[in-house]
Amino acid sequence: MKITFIGAAHEVTGSCHYVEAGDKKFLVDCGMEQGADIYENQEIPVNPSDLDYIFVTHAHIDHSGLLPLLYVHGFRGTIFSTEATRQLCNIMLKDSAHIQEQEAEWKNRKAQRSGGQLVEPMYTSRDAEKTLQLFEGIAYGRKIEVSEGIQVRFNDAGHLLGSSFIEIWLRENGIERKIVFSGDLGNHDRPLIKNPEHVTDADYVLIESTYGDRVHDKPQDFAVPLAQVILDTLKRGGNIVIPAFSVGRTQELLYYIRRIKEEGLIPAPYADFEVYMDSPLAVEATNVFNKSVSECFDQAALELVQKGINPIAFPGLRVAVSSEESKAINFDEKPKLIISASGMCEAGRIRHHLKHNLWRPESSVIFVGYQVPGTLGYNLLNGARHIKLFGEEVEVRAQICELPGISGHADRNMLLEWLGGFKEAPSRVFVVHGEDQVTDAFAAAIKETYGYDSYAPYSGDSFDLITGDQVAVGSHVKREKAPGKARTTSAVFGRLVAAGERLMAVIRRSEGGANKDLGKFADQIDALSNKWDR
């Protein structure tokens, strides 16, 4: 009986854990890596055709995105998830496959012109379709026996519609061990979905640590600061662009915007602003939300539904499905709010909206979710002054802002509080799904708070679940040149430069341009900024 850590080990994305029990082999999650990749992930130590099961905590691509690749390499077992996760994966994996195919097509056109080597997509739409046929949806709270010696139960993790933490009971040679996989635990008191449930016993716990070193701002009514940014931007005559994950965050935003309109938080003549949901994926996901009311919605959302109110619909909501509808948004000069994916600005239609709005000082870009270091979203949020989109350099002049606290992840205190629900100390707590140093720091916080034996594993680390002994040591060596590291440094420096420029603008206005020394200093800041960006 053994567990091997594959992905999201000292990193935030690419969740994947391999378990052996008796003659059965299975994975919990198999996600795609996004952003900076600091450590080389180990390969799954068996051929995918030898895997019996995969248990999926939720539909986000960093937990489910490589499932079709396993199918390509021979996996034909059963994929277990909640029913809502199954429905959302039906959307997201098809979309991911479409992106793989489009990228391969683009690279091959370029290769044909230059005489380069042709490439194949990671997986195709057909592979995604075949993978989806392997899913089996399971209701929350139902304990099932998937085979002799393996029982599982999915519980609401409060992170996303259908998200779960998974209890797994393993039996081998008469010895039983229980493992709890937290998946991604949700922030508290979010709209639409419930708070995370708790679990009281386990031999081993795997817990995420995305915000393991941070505490969210004091809970507030997010509709108020969102309304203020929208109003300020509309008064300037600009567009509000919100990069948002199509599944989860987009629906939360629709909930807040409905409230803003219903409660009159934006006065006339700006109150009738239009909102464009520009993502076919988001449109489909919203339909899944509307169908999953009874099992997944929280009490407040259920009460709205019972009154005949759709919590995520309102007058002025427009959807763009076709590429022509998406392009038309940027040719309409009327100020508007645009919600588009991807949430980290790495792909998708959001990049087109950024190209049309980042250079406009009257527009605003609002970030409402976690940004992985190395992604375009992270760099923009941390002060990048110039970026490249579609081969063209774009100056960042729009207002870049973040609504802190709008996070789908539990913070440090919430994670610790969730661990505090155990009646007896687990044999060991494994800290995963966090940035490199955060995982170690949160493991130390767990030990200090509860005295639990805590460890942040690396990819390739393996443990005997009967004895608790470590039986294999993974690589602790970082890549020689981690993608995104230089960009991260540049972004931080850029943020300092931007602050300096704002200060000098104030000084210039107050001095009326008379102070030549200050003016020269401002020019030096400009030159340094341009040199750094190049």
Protein backbone atom coordinates (compact mmCIF):
# COMPACT_ATOMS: atom_id res chain seq x y z
CA MET A 1 0.00 0.00 0.00
CA LYS A 2 1.81 3.07 -1.25
CA ILE A 3 1.35 6.68 -2.40
CA THR A 4 3.63 8.49 -4.85
CA PHE A 5 3.46 12.23 -5.41
CA ILE A 6 3.57 13.23 -9.07
CA GLY A 7 2.22 16.79 -9.54
CA ALA A 8 1.42 19.90 -7.49
CA ALA A 9 4.39 19.04 -5.26
CA HIS A 10 6.04 22.32 -4.22
CA GLU A 11 4.02 23.83 -7.09
CA VAL A 12 0.46 25.08 -7.42
CA THR A 13 -0.74 23.34 -10.57
CA GLY A 14 -0.69 19.92 -12.22
CA SER A 15 -2.27 17.96 -9.36
CA CYS A 16 -1.64 14.22 -9.60
CA HIS A 17 -1.20 11.54 -6.92
CA TYR A 18 -0.59 7.83 -7.61
CA VAL A 19 -1.78 5.15 -5.18
CA GLU A 20 -1.23 1.37 -5.08
CA ALA A 21 -3.32 -0.90 -2.88
CA GLY A 22 -3.27 -4.68 -3.29
CA ASP A 23 -3.45 -5.36 -7.01
CA LYS A 24 -5.16 -2.04 -7.79
CA LYS A 25 -3.54 1.14 -9.07
CA PHE A 26 -5.23 4.52 -9.33
CA LEU A 27 -4.73 8.28 -9.54
CA VAL A 28 -6.35 11.11 -7.66
CA ASP A 29 -6.51 13.94 -10.23
CA CYS A 30 -4.41 14.28 -13.34
CA GLY A 31 -4.06 18.00 -14.07
CA MET A 32 -2.25 20.18 -16.52
CA GLU A 33 0.56 22.47 -15.37
CA GLN A 34 0.11 26.21 -15.90
CA GLY A 35 2.52 29.10 -15.53
CA ALA A 36 6.07 28.75 -14.24
CA ASP A 37 7.27 25.17 -13.89
CA ILE A 38 9.96 25.06 -11.21
CA TYR A 39 10.40 21.31 -10.72
CA GLU A 40 10.40 18.51 -13.25
CA ASN A 41 7.44 16.25 -12.54
CA GLN A 42 8.14 12.54 -12.38
CA GLU A 43 6.32 10.28 -14.81
CA ILE A 44 3.48 8.13 -13.52
CA PRO A 45 5.41 4.95 -12.65
CA VAL A 46 3.09 2.62 -14.63
CA ASN A 47 1.66 2.56 -18.11
CA PRO A 48 -1.72 4.36 -18.13
CA SER A 49 -3.27 1.14 -19.45
CA ASP A 50 -2.40 -0.47 -16.10
CA LEU A 51 -4.39 2.09 -14.08
CA ASP A 52 -7.72 0.82 -12.76
CA TYR A 53 -9.35 4.09 -11.64
CA ILE A 54 -9.00 7.84 -11.49
CA PHE A 55 -10.76 9.93 -8.83
CA VAL A 56 -11.24 13.60 -9.79
CA THR A 57 -11.71 16.24 -7.08
CA HIS A 58 -13.08 18.90 -9.44
CA ALA A 59 -13.20 20.08 -13.05
CA HIS A 60 -10.53 22.78 -13.14
CA ILE A 61 -7.93 22.00 -15.81
CA ASP A 62 -5.04 21.92 -13.31
CA HIS A 63 -6.81 18.89 -11.79
CA SER A 64 -8.40 17.25 -14.84
CA GLY A 65 -6.64 18.55 -17.95
CA LEU A 66 -4.42 15.54 -18.71
CA LEU A 67 -7.15 12.90 -18.49
CA PRO A 68 -7.49 12.68 -22.31
CA LEU A 69 -3.71 12.25 -22.59
CA LEU A 70 -4.00 9.19 -20.34
CA TYR A 71 -6.67 7.89 -22.69
CA VAL A 72 -4.31 8.42 -25.64
CA HIS A 73 -1.75 6.25 -23.85
CA GLY A 74 -4.15 3.43 -23.12
CA PHE A 75 -6.16 4.20 -19.99
CA ARG A 76 -9.58 2.51 -20.16
CA GLY A 77 -10.56 2.33 -16.47
CA THR A 78 -13.34 4.23 -14.68
CA ILE A 79 -13.13 7.93 -13.80
CA PHE A 80 -15.11 8.75 -10.66
CA SER A 81 -16.27 12.28 -9.77
CA THR A 82 -19.37 14.09 -8.60
CA GLU A 83 -22.11 14.46 -11.20
CA ALA A 84 -21.56 18.23 -11.49
CA THR A 85 -17.83 17.66 -12.04
CA ARG A 86 -18.64 15.13 -14.74
CA GLN A 87 -20.85 17.66 -16.51
CA LEU A 88 -18.29 20.44 -16.22
CA CYS A 89 -15.47 18.18 -17.44
CA ASN A 90 -17.68 17.41 -20.42
CA ILE A 91 -17.33 21.09 -21.31
CA MET A 92 -13.79 21.83 -20.18
CA LEU A 93 -11.98 18.82 -21.64
CA LYS A 94 -13.61 19.37 -25.03
CA ASP A 95 -12.54 23.01 -24.88
CA SER A 96 -9.01 22.03 -23.86
CA ALA A 97 -8.81 19.59 -26.78
CA HIS A 98 -9.98 22.31 -29.16
CA ILE A 99 -7.19 24.57 -27.89
CA GLN A 100 -4.62 21.77 -28.39
CA GLU A 101 -5.81 21.27 -31.96
CA GLN A 102 -5.79 24.99 -32.75
CA GLU A 103 -2.28 25.46 -31.36
CA ALA A 104 -0.98 22.46 -33.34
CA GLU A 105 -2.61 23.80 -36.51
CA TRP A 106 -1.04 27.23 -35.99
CA LYS A 107 2.43 25.75 -35.32
CA ASN A 108 2.17 23.50 -38.35
CA ARG A 109 1.25 26.38 -40.67
CA LYS A 110 4.32 28.20 -39.38
CA ALA A 111 6.47 25.06 -39.74
CA GLN A 112 5.36 24.53 -43.32
CA ARG A 113 6.44 28.05 -44.25
CA SER A 114 9.81 27.69 -42.54
CA GLY A 115 10.48 24.02 -43.33
CA GLY A 116 10.22 23.08 -39.66
CA GLN A 117 8.96 19.88 -38.06
CA LEU A 118 5.22 19.28 -37.82
CA VAL A 119 3.65 18.66 -34.41
CA GLU A 120 0.69 16.66 -33.14
CA PRO A 121 -1.80 18.03 -30.60
CA MET A 122 -1.41 16.69 -27.07
CA TYR A 123 -4.86 15.17 -27.56
CA THR A 124 -7.80 15.68 -29.88
CA SER A 125 -11.50 16.33 -29.52
CA ARG A 126 -12.13 12.66 -30.26
CA ASP A 127 -9.78 11.69 -27.40
CA ALA A 128 -11.70 14.01 -25.06
CA GLU A 129 -15.02 12.51 -26.17
CA LYS A 130 -13.77 8.97 -25.52
CA THR A 131 -12.39 10.01 -22.12
CA LEU A 132 -15.73 11.46 -21.10
CA GLN A 133 -17.39 8.11 -21.74
CA LEU A 134 -15.30 6.67 -18.88
CA PHE A 135 -16.79 9.03 -16.25
CA GLU A 136 -19.17 7.88 -13.55
CA GLY A 137 -20.93 10.55 -11.48
CA ILE A 138 -21.32 9.97 -7.74
CA ALA A 139 -23.58 11.89 -5.35
CA TYR A 140 -22.11 13.81 -2.41
CA GLY A 141 -21.96 11.83 0.83
CA ARG A 142 -22.49 8.42 -0.75
CA LYS A 143 -19.89 5.84 0.30
CA ILE A 144 -19.28 3.34 -2.49
CA GLU A 145 -17.11 0.26 -2.89
CA VAL A 146 -15.33 0.53 -6.22
CA SER A 147 -13.60 -2.84 -5.77
CA GLU A 148 -12.69 -5.23 -2.99
CA GLY A 149 -10.47 -3.26 -0.63
CA ILE A 150 -11.26 0.24 -1.99
CA GLN A 151 -14.13 2.45 -0.80
CA VAL A 152 -14.59 6.15 -1.55
CA ARG A 153 -16.82 9.06 -0.58
CA PHE A 154 -17.03 12.52 -2.18
CA ASN A 155 -17.78 15.49 0.10
CA ASP A 156 -18.45 19.14 -0.75
CA ALA A 157 -15.19 21.13 -0.77
CA GLY A 158 -16.92 24.48 -1.43
CA HIS A 159 -14.40 25.50 -4.12
CA LEU A 160 -16.39 25.08 -7.33
CA LEU A 161 -19.69 23.63 -8.40
CA GLY A 162 -19.27 19.89 -7.80
CA SER A 163 -15.85 20.23 -6.15
CA SER A 164 -15.02 17.64 -3.52
CA PHE A 165 -12.55 16.38 -1.02
CA ILE A 166 -12.34 12.61 -1.22
CA GLU A 167 -12.19 10.05 1.57
CA ILE A 168 -10.61 6.77 0.43
CA TRP A 169 -10.50 3.61 2.54
CA LEU A 170 -7.89 1.04 1.50
CA ARG A 171 -7.57 -2.54 2.73
CA GLU A 172 -4.60 -4.80 2.04
CA ASN A 173 -3.84 -8.11 3.77
CA GLY A 174 -6.37 -7.30 6.48
CA ILE A 175 -4.85 -3.88 7.22
CA GLU A 176 -6.94 -0.76 6.57
CA ARG A 177 -5.79 2.80 6.03
CA LYS A 178 -7.84 5.88 5.28
CA ILE A 179 -6.56 8.79 3.15
CA VAL A 180 -8.29 12.14 2.69
CA PHE A 181 -7.48 14.18 -0.40
CA SER A 182 -8.57 17.79 0.16
CA GLY A 183 -8.62 18.79 -3.50
CA ASP A 184 -9.02 22.57 -3.47
CA LEU A 185 -10.87 23.81 -0.38
CA GLY A 186 -13.12 26.81 -0.89
CA ASN A 187 -13.21 30.25 0.62
CA HIS A 188 -16.05 30.81 3.10
CA ASP A 189 -19.34 32.62 2.48
CA ARG A 190 -19.09 32.76 -1.30
CA PRO A 191 -22.21 33.17 -3.41
CA LEU A 192 -24.04 30.19 -4.93
CA ILE A 193 -22.07 27.33 -3.39
CA LYS A 194 -21.80 25.97 0.15
CA ASN A 195 -18.92 26.27 2.60
CA PRO A 196 -16.56 23.28 2.75
CA GLU A 197 -17.76 20.31 4.76
CA HIS A 198 -15.51 18.77 7.41
CA VAL A 199 -14.07 15.34 8.05
CA THR A 200 -13.23 13.93 11.47
CA ASP A 201 -10.82 11.04 10.95
CA ALA A 202 -8.02 9.86 8.67
CA ASP A 203 -4.69 8.10 8.81
CA TYR A 204 -3.21 10.39 6.14
CA VAL A 205 -4.32 13.78 4.83
CA LEU A 206 -3.26 15.58 1.67
CA ILE A 207 -4.11 19.26 1.99
CA GLU A 208 -3.74 22.07 -0.53
CA SER A 209 -1.83 25.24 0.40
CA THR A 210 -2.51 27.73 -2.39
CA TYR A 211 -3.03 30.47 0.20
CA GLY A 212 -1.14 28.71 2.96
CA ASP A 213 0.88 31.85 3.75
CA ARG A 214 -1.89 34.45 3.43
CA VAL A 215 -5.07 35.55 5.12
CA HIS A 216 -7.83 37.02 2.99
CA ASP A 217 -8.98 40.54 3.72
CA LYS A 218 -11.83 40.85 6.17
CA PRO A 219 -14.99 39.59 4.46
CA GLN A 220 -16.83 42.38 2.73
CA ASP A 221 -19.67 42.90 0.33
CA PHE A 222 -17.74 42.55 -2.92
CA ALA A 223 -20.61 44.07 -4.89
CA VAL A 224 -19.69 47.50 -3.43
CA PRO A 225 -16.00 47.79 -4.54
CA LEU A 226 -16.86 46.11 -7.85
CA ALA A 227 -19.61 48.66 -8.45
CA GLN A 228 -17.21 51.51 -7.68
CA VAL A 229 -14.62 50.36 -10.24
CA ILE A 230 -17.36 49.85 -12.84
CA LEU A 231 -18.81 53.31 -12.20
CA ASP A 232 -15.42 55.08 -12.29
CA THR A 233 -14.54 53.39 -15.58
CA LEU A 234 -17.89 54.11 -17.21
CA LYS A 235 -17.52 57.78 -16.27
CA ARG A 236 -14.16 57.84 -18.05
CA GLY A 237 -15.79 56.30 -21.11
CA GLY A 238 -13.78 53.10 -20.94
CA ASN A 239 -14.46 49.37 -20.88
CA ILE A 240 -14.16 47.12 -17.85
CA VAL A 241 -12.33 43.91 -18.78
CA ILE A 242 -12.39 41.03 -16.30
CA PRO A 243 -10.28 37.93 -16.99
CA ALA A 244 -12.18 35.13 -15.28
CA PHE A 245 -12.26 31.36 -15.30
CA SER A 246 -15.26 30.26 -17.33
CA VAL A 247 -16.31 27.81 -14.65
CA GLY A 248 -16.98 29.18 -11.18
CA ARG A 249 -15.60 32.69 -11.16
CA THR A 250 -17.68 33.90 -14.13
CA GLN A 251 -20.89 32.73 -12.44
CA GLU A 252 -19.90 34.46 -9.18
CA LEU A 253 -19.36 37.70 -11.08
CA LEU A 254 -22.77 37.39 -12.70
CA TYR A 255 -24.25 36.96 -9.20
CA TYR A 256 -22.59 40.19 -7.97
CA ILE A 257 -23.50 42.16 -11.09
CA ARG A 258 -27.14 41.07 -10.77
CA ARG A 259 -27.08 42.49 -7.24
CA ILE A 260 -25.40 45.70 -8.39
CA LYS A 261 -28.16 46.28 -10.91
CA GLU A 262 -31.06 45.20 -8.66
CA GLU A 263 -29.88 47.25 -5.68
CA GLY A 264 -29.10 50.39 -7.70
CA LEU A 265 -25.43 50.51 -6.68
CA ILE A 266 -24.64 52.31 -9.94
CA PRO A 267 -26.76 55.45 -10.53
CA ALA A 268 -28.25 56.79 -13.75
CA PRO A 269 -27.23 57.41 -16.48
CA TYR A 270 -24.74 54.54 -16.11
CA ALA A 271 -27.05 51.98 -14.50
CA ASP A 272 -28.06 50.27 -17.75
CA PHE A 273 -24.51 49.24 -18.71
CA GLU A 274 -24.23 46.10 -20.78
CA VAL A 275 -22.30 43.01 -19.71
CA TYR A 276 -20.77 40.65 -22.27
CA MET A 277 -19.99 37.08 -21.30
CA ASP A 278 -17.56 36.26 -24.08
CA SER A 279 -16.86 32.57 -23.75
CA PRO A 280 -18.76 29.64 -25.23
CA LEU A 281 -17.37 27.59 -22.35
CA ALA A 282 -18.75 30.04 -19.77
CA VAL A 283 -22.17 29.96 -21.43
CA GLU A 284 -22.28 26.16 -21.24
CA ALA A 285 -20.96 26.16 -17.68
CA THR A 286 -23.64 28.63 -16.65
CA ASN A 287 -26.24 26.22 -17.98
CA VAL A 288 -24.73 23.47 -15.79
CA PHE A 289 -24.99 25.81 -12.77
CA ASN A 290 -28.66 26.38 -13.52
CA LYS A 291 -29.25 22.60 -13.64
CA SER A 292 -27.36 21.81 -10.41
CA VAL A 293 -29.50 23.82 -8.02
CA SER A 294 -30.71 21.14 -5.63
CA GLU A 295 -27.41 19.44 -4.78
CA CYS A 296 -24.87 22.23 -5.01
CA PHE A 297 -26.44 25.66 -4.34
CA ASP A 298 -26.26 27.23 -0.89
CA GLN A 299 -29.37 28.26 1.05
CA ALA A 300 -29.36 31.90 -0.11
CA ALA A 301 -29.20 30.89 -3.76
CA LEU A 302 -31.92 28.28 -3.25
CA GLU A 303 -34.22 30.89 -1.72
CA LEU A 304 -33.78 33.12 -4.78
CA VAL A 305 -34.63 30.22 -7.08
CA GLN A 306 -37.73 29.44 -5.01
CA LYS A 307 -38.85 33.06 -5.52
CA GLY A 308 -38.45 32.67 -9.27
CA ILE A 309 -35.22 34.69 -9.42
CA ASN A 310 -32.28 33.38 -11.43
CA PRO A 311 -29.24 34.25 -9.25
CA ILE A 312 -26.95 34.70 -12.27
CA ALA A 313 -29.12 36.48 -14.84
CA PHE A 314 -30.15 40.13 -15.28
CA PRO A 315 -31.21 42.68 -17.93
CA GLY A 316 -28.32 43.79 -20.14
CA LEU A 317 -26.49 40.45 -20.06
CA ARG A 318 -25.22 39.53 -23.52
CA VAL A 319 -23.46 36.34 -24.58
CA ALA A 320 -20.92 35.97 -27.35
CA VAL A 321 -20.58 32.44 -28.66
CA SER A 322 -19.24 32.74 -32.21
CA SER A 323 -15.92 34.37 -33.05
CA GLU A 324 -17.83 36.99 -35.07
CA GLU A 325 -19.86 37.95 -31.99
CA SER A 326 -16.66 38.15 -29.96
CA LYS A 327 -14.93 40.41 -32.49
CA ALA A 328 -17.95 42.69 -32.69
CA ILE A 329 -17.60 43.57 -28.99
CA ASN A 330 -14.45 45.59 -29.63
CA PHE A 331 -15.99 47.49 -32.54
CA ASP A 332 -18.85 48.73 -30.37
CA GLU A 333 -17.71 52.07 -28.92
CA LYS A 334 -20.27 52.09 -26.11
CA PRO A 335 -18.57 51.54 -22.70
CA LYS A 336 -19.30 48.06 -21.40
CA LEU A 337 -18.17 45.28 -19.07
CA ILE A 338 -16.49 42.24 -20.66
CA ILE A 339 -15.99 38.94 -18.85
CA SER A 340 -13.77 36.55 -20.78
CA ALA A 341 -11.42 33.61 -20.28
CA SER A 342 -8.80 32.56 -19.49
CA GLY A 343 -8.57 33.81 -15.94
CA MET A 344 -4.75 34.08 -16.07
CA CYS A 345 -4.76 35.59 -19.59
CA GLU A 346 -2.68 32.74 -20.99
CA ALA A 347 -5.01 31.85 -23.86
CA GLY A 348 -8.45 32.42 -25.26
CA ARG A 349 -10.50 35.46 -26.17
CA ILE A 350 -9.38 37.55 -23.20
CA ARG A 351 -6.10 38.25 -25.00
CA HIS A 352 -7.97 39.99 -27.82
CA HIS A 353 -9.88 42.16 -25.35
CA LEU A 354 -6.63 43.05 -23.59
CA LYS A 355 -5.07 44.03 -26.90
CA HIS A 356 -7.95 46.43 -27.55
CA ASN A 357 -8.08 47.90 -24.04
CA LEU A 358 -4.72 47.76 -22.24
CA TRP A 359 -3.39 50.81 -24.09
CA ARG A 360 -6.49 52.88 -23.20
CA PRO A 361 -6.10 54.90 -19.95
CA GLU A 362 -9.89 55.19 -19.68
CA SER A 363 -10.34 51.39 -19.47
CA SER A 364 -9.86 49.08 -16.48
CA VAL A 365 -8.72 45.48 -16.10
CA ILE A 366 -9.94 43.81 -12.91
CA PHE A 367 -8.34 40.62 -11.61
CA VAL A 368 -10.59 38.52 -9.41
CA GLY A 369 -8.63 35.32 -8.93
CA TYR A 370 -5.26 33.77 -8.14
CA GLN A 371 -2.53 34.40 -10.72
CA VAL A 372 0.21 31.79 -11.06
CA PRO A 373 3.72 33.33 -11.26
CA GLY A 374 4.93 33.48 -14.85
CA THR A 375 1.49 33.97 -16.39
CA LEU A 376 0.49 37.11 -18.27
CA GLY A 377 -2.12 37.87 -15.62
CA TYR A 378 0.52 37.73 -12.87
CA ASN A 379 2.84 40.06 -14.78
CA LEU A 380 0.08 42.60 -15.44
CA LEU A 381 -1.03 42.54 -11.82
CA ASN A 382 2.56 43.07 -10.69
CA GLY A 383 3.26 46.15 -12.76
CA ALA A 384 4.36 45.09 -16.26
CA ARG A 385 4.48 48.23 -18.41
CA HIS A 386 4.69 46.61 -21.84
CA ILE A 387 3.52 43.20 -23.00
CA LYS A 388 3.37 41.33 -26.28
CA LEU A 389 0.09 40.08 -27.69
CA PHE A 390 -0.12 38.36 -31.07
CA GLY A 391 3.42 39.50 -31.90
CA GLU A 392 2.64 43.16 -31.18
CA GLU A 393 3.97 45.18 -28.25
CA VAL A 394 1.21 46.81 -26.22
CA GLU A 395 1.79 49.59 -23.70
CA VAL A 396 -0.13 49.08 -20.46
CA ARG A 397 -2.00 52.31 -19.76
CA ALA A 398 -5.32 50.96 -18.48
CA GLN A 399 -6.06 50.91 -14.76
CA ILE A 400 -5.01 47.50 -13.42
CA CYS A 401 -6.69 46.54 -10.19
CA GLU A 402 -7.53 43.55 -8.05
CA LEU A 403 -10.50 42.86 -5.82
CA PRO A 404 -8.74 41.19 -2.88
CA GLY A 405 -10.56 38.46 -1.07
CA ILE A 406 -12.53 37.27 -4.10
CA SER A 407 -10.79 33.94 -4.06
CA GLY A 408 -12.03 30.43 -4.60
CA HIS A 409 -9.42 29.05 -2.19
CA ALA A 410 -9.45 28.91 1.58
CA ASP A 411 -6.79 31.06 3.22
CA ARG A 412 -4.24 29.98 5.84
CA ASN A 413 -6.63 30.29 8.78
CA MET A 414 -9.44 28.46 6.98
CA LEU A 415 -7.12 25.62 6.02
CA LEU A 416 -5.96 25.28 9.61
CA GLU A 417 -9.55 25.43 10.84
CA TRP A 418 -10.48 22.61 8.43
CA LEU A 419 -7.64 20.48 9.79
CA GLY A 420 -8.87 21.24 13.29
CA GLY A 421 -11.97 19.15 12.58
CA PHE A 422 -10.05 15.89 13.08
CA LYS A 423 -10.88 14.23 16.41
CA GLU A 424 -7.56 12.37 16.46
CA ALA A 425 -4.25 13.37 14.94
CA PRO A 426 -3.59 11.85 11.49
CA SER A 427 -0.39 9.83 11.21
CA ARG A 428 0.88 12.41 8.74
CA VAL A 429 -0.33 15.46 6.83
CA PHE A 430 1.11 15.98 3.35
CA VAL A 431 1.06 19.59 2.13
CA VAL A 432 0.60 19.94 -1.62
CA HIS A 433 -0.67 22.41 -4.24
CA GLY A 434 1.26 25.46 -3.05
CA GLU A 435 4.16 27.59 -4.17
CA ASP A 436 7.63 26.28 -3.44
CA GLN A 437 8.33 27.94 -0.08
CA VAL A 438 4.68 28.17 0.94
CA THR A 439 4.31 24.40 1.22
CA ASP A 440 7.16 24.15 3.72
CA ALA A 441 5.96 27.16 5.71
CA PHE A 442 2.41 25.82 5.92
CA ALA A 443 3.66 22.36 6.96
CA ALA A 444 5.52 24.10 9.81
CA ALA A 445 2.36 26.03 10.74
CA ILE A 446 0.37 22.79 10.94
CA LYS A 447 2.94 21.24 13.27
CA GLU A 448 3.08 24.36 15.42
CA THR A 449 -0.73 24.63 15.65
CA TYR A 450 -1.73 21.00 16.14
CA GLY A 451 1.47 19.02 16.58
CA TYR A 452 0.66 16.93 13.50
CA ASP A 453 3.54 15.25 11.67
CA SER A 454 3.57 17.37 8.50
CA TYR A 455 5.64 17.22 5.34
CA ALA A 456 5.63 18.94 1.94
CA PRO A 457 6.53 16.22 -0.59
CA TYR A 458 8.44 16.62 -3.84
CA SER A 459 7.55 14.96 -7.12
CA GLY A 460 8.74 11.37 -6.93
CA ASP A 461 8.52 11.08 -3.14
CA SER A 462 6.81 7.83 -2.18
CA PHE A 463 5.50 6.55 1.16
CA ASP A 464 4.43 3.16 2.48
CA LEU A 465 0.95 3.76 3.87
CA ILE A 466 1.06 0.81 6.25
CA THR A 467 4.35 1.64 8.00
CA GLY A 468 4.42 5.37 7.21
CA ASP A 469 8.02 5.07 6.00
CA GLN A 470 9.32 7.00 3.02
CA VAL A 471 10.36 4.41 0.43
CA ALA A 472 11.48 6.66 -2.45
CA VAL A 473 12.92 10.18 -2.59
CA GLY A 474 12.03 12.47 -5.45
CA SER A 475 14.20 15.17 -6.99
CA HIS A 476 14.59 18.37 -4.99
CA VAL A 477 16.60 20.00 -7.77
CA LYS A 478 15.04 22.97 -9.50
CA ARG A 479 15.18 23.43 -13.22
CA GLU A 480 18.32 25.26 -14.30
CA LYS A 481 16.22 28.09 -15.67
CA ALA A 482 12.67 28.09 -14.43
CA PRO A 483 10.27 29.58 -17.00
CA GLY A 484 8.74 32.80 -15.78
CA LYS A 485 11.39 33.52 -13.11
CA ALA A 486 12.95 36.42 -14.97
CA ARG A 487 9.54 37.75 -15.87
CA THR A 488 8.50 37.64 -12.23
CA THR A 489 11.53 39.72 -11.22
CA SER A 490 10.81 42.14 -14.03
CA ALA A 491 7.20 42.47 -12.94
CA VAL A 492 8.15 43.30 -9.34
CA PHE A 493 10.67 45.86 -10.54
CA GLY A 494 8.10 47.23 -12.95
CA ARG A 495 5.71 47.74 -10.07
CA LEU A 496 8.32 49.85 -8.26
CA VAL A 497 8.96 51.87 -11.40
CA ALA A 498 5.24 52.42 -11.90
CA ALA A 499 4.93 53.69 -8.32
CA GLY A 500 7.83 56.06 -8.95
CA GLU A 501 6.22 57.36 -12.12
CA ARG A 502 2.94 58.05 -10.33
CA LEU A 503 4.85 59.93 -7.64
CA MET A 504 6.70 62.02 -10.21
CA ALA A 505 3.46 62.85 -12.00
CA VAL A 506 2.11 64.28 -8.76
CA ILE A 507 5.31 66.24 -8.14
CA ARG A 508 5.31 67.64 -11.67
CA ARG A 509 1.73 68.81 -11.30
CA SER A 510 2.43 70.40 -7.93
CA GLU A 511 5.61 72.10 -9.15
CA GLY A 512 4.06 73.20 -12.42
CA GLY A 513 7.04 71.77 -14.26
CA ALA A 514 9.37 74.36 -12.72
CA ASN A 515 11.66 72.02 -10.82
CA LYS A 516 14.16 70.88 -13.46
CA ASP A 517 16.03 68.48 -11.18
CA LEU A 518 12.81 66.62 -10.37
CA GLY A 519 11.94 66.63 -14.04
CA LYS A 520 15.30 65.06 -14.92
CA PHE A 521 14.76 62.43 -12.24
CA ALA A 522 11.36 61.56 -13.75
CA ASP A 523 12.97 61.26 -17.19
CA GLN A 524 15.56 58.87 -15.75
CA ILE A 525 12.74 56.74 -14.30
CA ASP A 526 11.10 56.64 -17.75
CA ALA A 527 14.36 55.63 -19.42
CA LEU A 528 15.08 52.95 -16.84
CA SER A 529 11.57 51.57 -17.24
CA ASN A 530 11.92 51.36 -21.02
CA LYS A 531 15.34 49.74 -20.77
CA TRP A 532 14.07 47.14 -18.27
CA ASP A 533 11.02 46.27 -20.39
CA ARG A 534 13.22 45.72 -23.44
